[in-house]
Amino acid sequence: MKKDINDRNDIIFLVDTFYKKVALNQTIGPIFTDVAKVDWAHHLPKMYDFWESILFGKATYKGNPMLVHFALNDKTSLHTAEFETWKTIFFNTVDDLFEGENANLIKQKAQSIADLMHFKINSPQQKIKIV
């Protein structure tokens, strides 16, 4: 039986495992490695803080992920395929590693965040604003 996500160490394990899969993915890996040129040593601790804040309500994350993704969308279009790929990898990683209330909750939160981000980035108002 798998354990649930209980603390920051579990978040770190989840995030590290997830981003290893992301970096290798043919659909979204190049967005991280070639377009955004992610500095993993800098990015991963931010993601630990982000998910710890989202799942456990700790105020460790400082940043605005929406603005970051708007800027990324200016460099390469982020559409349904990219968001669906991200969600699939995230959900599968959670399911591979954990089970329980927090594992379900982090997937629900990820779904909501990704769907909202997709909607805002691809909304007609955003497209008008860019043009």
Protein backbone atom coordinates (compact mmCIF):
# COMPACT_ATOMS: atom_id res chain seq x y z
CA MET A 1 0.00 0.00 0.00
CA LYS A 2 1.29 3.43 -0.94
CA LYS A 3 1.40 6.21 1.60
CA ASP A 4 -0.26 9.59 1.32
CA ILE A 5 1.50 12.93 0.77
CA ASN A 6 2.17 13.97 4.35
CA ASP A 7 4.93 16.59 4.41
CA ARG A 8 7.44 18.66 2.47
CA ASN A 9 9.70 15.64 1.91
CA ASP A 10 6.84 13.93 0.07
CA ILE A 11 6.27 17.09 -1.98
CA ILE A 12 9.98 17.16 -2.89
CA PHE A 13 9.87 13.51 -3.97
CA LEU A 14 6.73 14.14 -6.06
CA VAL A 15 8.04 17.32 -7.70
CA ASP A 16 11.47 15.85 -8.48
CA THR A 17 9.94 12.71 -9.99
CA PHE A 18 7.38 14.71 -11.96
CA TYR A 19 9.89 17.12 -13.49
CA LYS A 20 12.23 14.28 -14.49
CA LYS A 21 9.33 12.91 -16.53
CA VAL A 22 8.45 16.35 -17.88
CA ALA A 23 12.01 16.98 -19.07
CA LEU A 24 11.89 13.73 -21.08
CA ASN A 25 8.43 14.28 -22.56
CA GLN A 26 8.40 15.09 -26.28
CA THR A 27 5.40 17.42 -26.06
CA ILE A 28 6.28 19.64 -23.11
CA GLY A 29 9.90 18.82 -22.35
CA PRO A 30 11.23 21.19 -25.02
CA ILE A 31 9.12 24.01 -23.58
CA PHE A 32 10.97 23.67 -20.29
CA THR A 33 14.43 22.92 -21.63
CA ASP A 34 14.64 24.84 -24.92
CA VAL A 35 12.11 27.69 -24.68
CA ALA A 36 12.00 28.56 -20.98
CA LYS A 37 15.53 27.26 -20.45
CA VAL A 38 14.59 26.29 -16.91
CA ASP A 39 17.35 26.40 -14.33
CA TRP A 40 16.22 23.30 -12.41
CA ALA A 41 18.27 24.18 -9.31
CA HIS A 42 16.29 27.42 -9.08
CA HIS A 43 12.92 26.15 -10.34
CA LEU A 44 12.49 23.02 -8.25
CA PRO A 45 12.68 24.72 -4.80
CA LYS A 46 10.04 27.20 -6.03
CA MET A 47 7.83 24.27 -6.99
CA TYR A 48 8.36 22.64 -3.58
CA ASP A 49 7.17 25.90 -1.99
CA PHE A 50 4.28 26.23 -4.45
CA TRP A 51 2.87 22.77 -3.85
CA GLU A 52 3.49 22.92 -0.10
CA SER A 53 1.49 26.16 -0.06
CA ILE A 54 -1.28 24.69 -2.20
CA LEU A 55 -1.59 21.38 -0.35
CA PHE A 56 -0.77 22.30 3.23
CA GLY A 57 -1.66 25.99 3.32
CA LYS A 58 1.86 27.06 4.24
CA ALA A 59 2.82 30.54 3.03
CA THR A 60 6.17 29.44 1.61
CA TYR A 61 5.57 30.27 -2.05
CA LYS A 62 6.33 33.76 -3.32
CA GLY A 63 5.56 34.41 -6.97
CA ASN A 64 2.91 34.76 -9.64
CA PRO A 65 2.68 31.63 -11.78
CA MET A 66 0.05 33.18 -14.02
CA LEU A 67 2.39 35.97 -15.12
CA VAL A 68 5.19 33.49 -15.70
CA HIS A 69 2.96 31.39 -17.95
CA PHE A 70 1.65 34.42 -19.84
CA ALA A 71 5.26 35.36 -20.60
CA LEU A 72 6.02 31.78 -21.64
CA ASN A 73 2.96 31.78 -23.90
CA ASP A 74 4.43 34.83 -25.66
CA LYS A 75 7.43 32.65 -26.61
CA THR A 76 5.54 29.48 -27.51
CA SER A 77 1.82 28.87 -27.63
CA LEU A 78 0.41 26.88 -24.75
CA HIS A 79 -2.73 25.10 -25.91
CA THR A 80 -4.87 22.17 -24.84
CA ALA A 81 -2.29 19.54 -25.83
CA GLU A 82 0.38 21.07 -23.60
CA PHE A 83 -1.93 21.44 -20.61
CA GLU A 84 -3.39 17.94 -21.03
CA THR A 85 0.11 16.46 -21.27
CA TRP A 86 1.17 18.33 -18.11
CA LYS A 87 -1.90 17.08 -16.23
CA THR A 88 -1.47 13.49 -17.41
CA ILE A 89 2.14 13.38 -16.29
CA PHE A 90 1.27 15.02 -12.97
CA PHE A 91 -1.68 12.72 -12.22
CA ASN A 92 0.25 9.60 -13.23
CA THR A 93 3.21 10.63 -11.08
CA VAL A 94 0.97 11.17 -8.06
CA ASP A 95 -0.76 7.83 -8.66
CA ASP A 96 2.56 6.01 -9.10
CA LEU A 97 3.95 7.34 -5.82
CA PHE A 98 1.06 8.04 -3.44
CA GLU A 99 -2.52 7.33 -2.51
CA GLY A 100 -4.88 8.89 -0.03
CA GLU A 101 -6.73 12.09 0.76
CA ASN A 102 -3.84 14.48 0.06
CA ALA A 103 -2.88 12.63 -3.12
CA ASN A 104 -6.44 13.08 -4.37
CA LEU A 105 -6.50 16.69 -3.22
CA ILE A 106 -3.25 17.64 -4.97
CA LYS A 107 -4.62 16.17 -8.22
CA GLN A 108 -7.83 18.17 -7.83
CA LYS A 109 -5.83 21.35 -7.16
CA ALA A 110 -3.56 20.67 -10.14
CA GLN A 111 -6.61 20.12 -12.36
CA SER A 112 -8.16 23.42 -11.24
CA ILE A 113 -4.93 25.39 -11.60
CA ALA A 114 -4.09 23.98 -15.02
CA ASP A 115 -7.64 24.45 -16.32
CA LEU A 116 -7.81 28.05 -15.07
CA MET A 117 -4.38 28.82 -16.51
CA HIS A 118 -5.36 27.27 -19.86
CA PHE A 119 -8.58 29.29 -19.91
CA LYS A 120 -6.90 32.58 -19.06
CA ILE A 121 -4.05 32.12 -21.51
CA ASN A 122 -6.36 31.10 -24.34
CA SER A 123 -9.31 33.38 -23.60
CA PRO A 124 -10.45 35.78 -26.34
CA GLN A 125 -9.64 38.73 -24.05
CA GLN A 126 -6.03 37.58 -23.75
CA LYS A 127 -5.71 37.14 -27.50
CA ILE A 128 -7.08 40.64 -28.10
CA LYS A 129 -4.71 42.06 -25.48
CA ILE A 130 -1.70 40.44 -27.18
CA VAL A 131 -2.63 41.67 -30.67
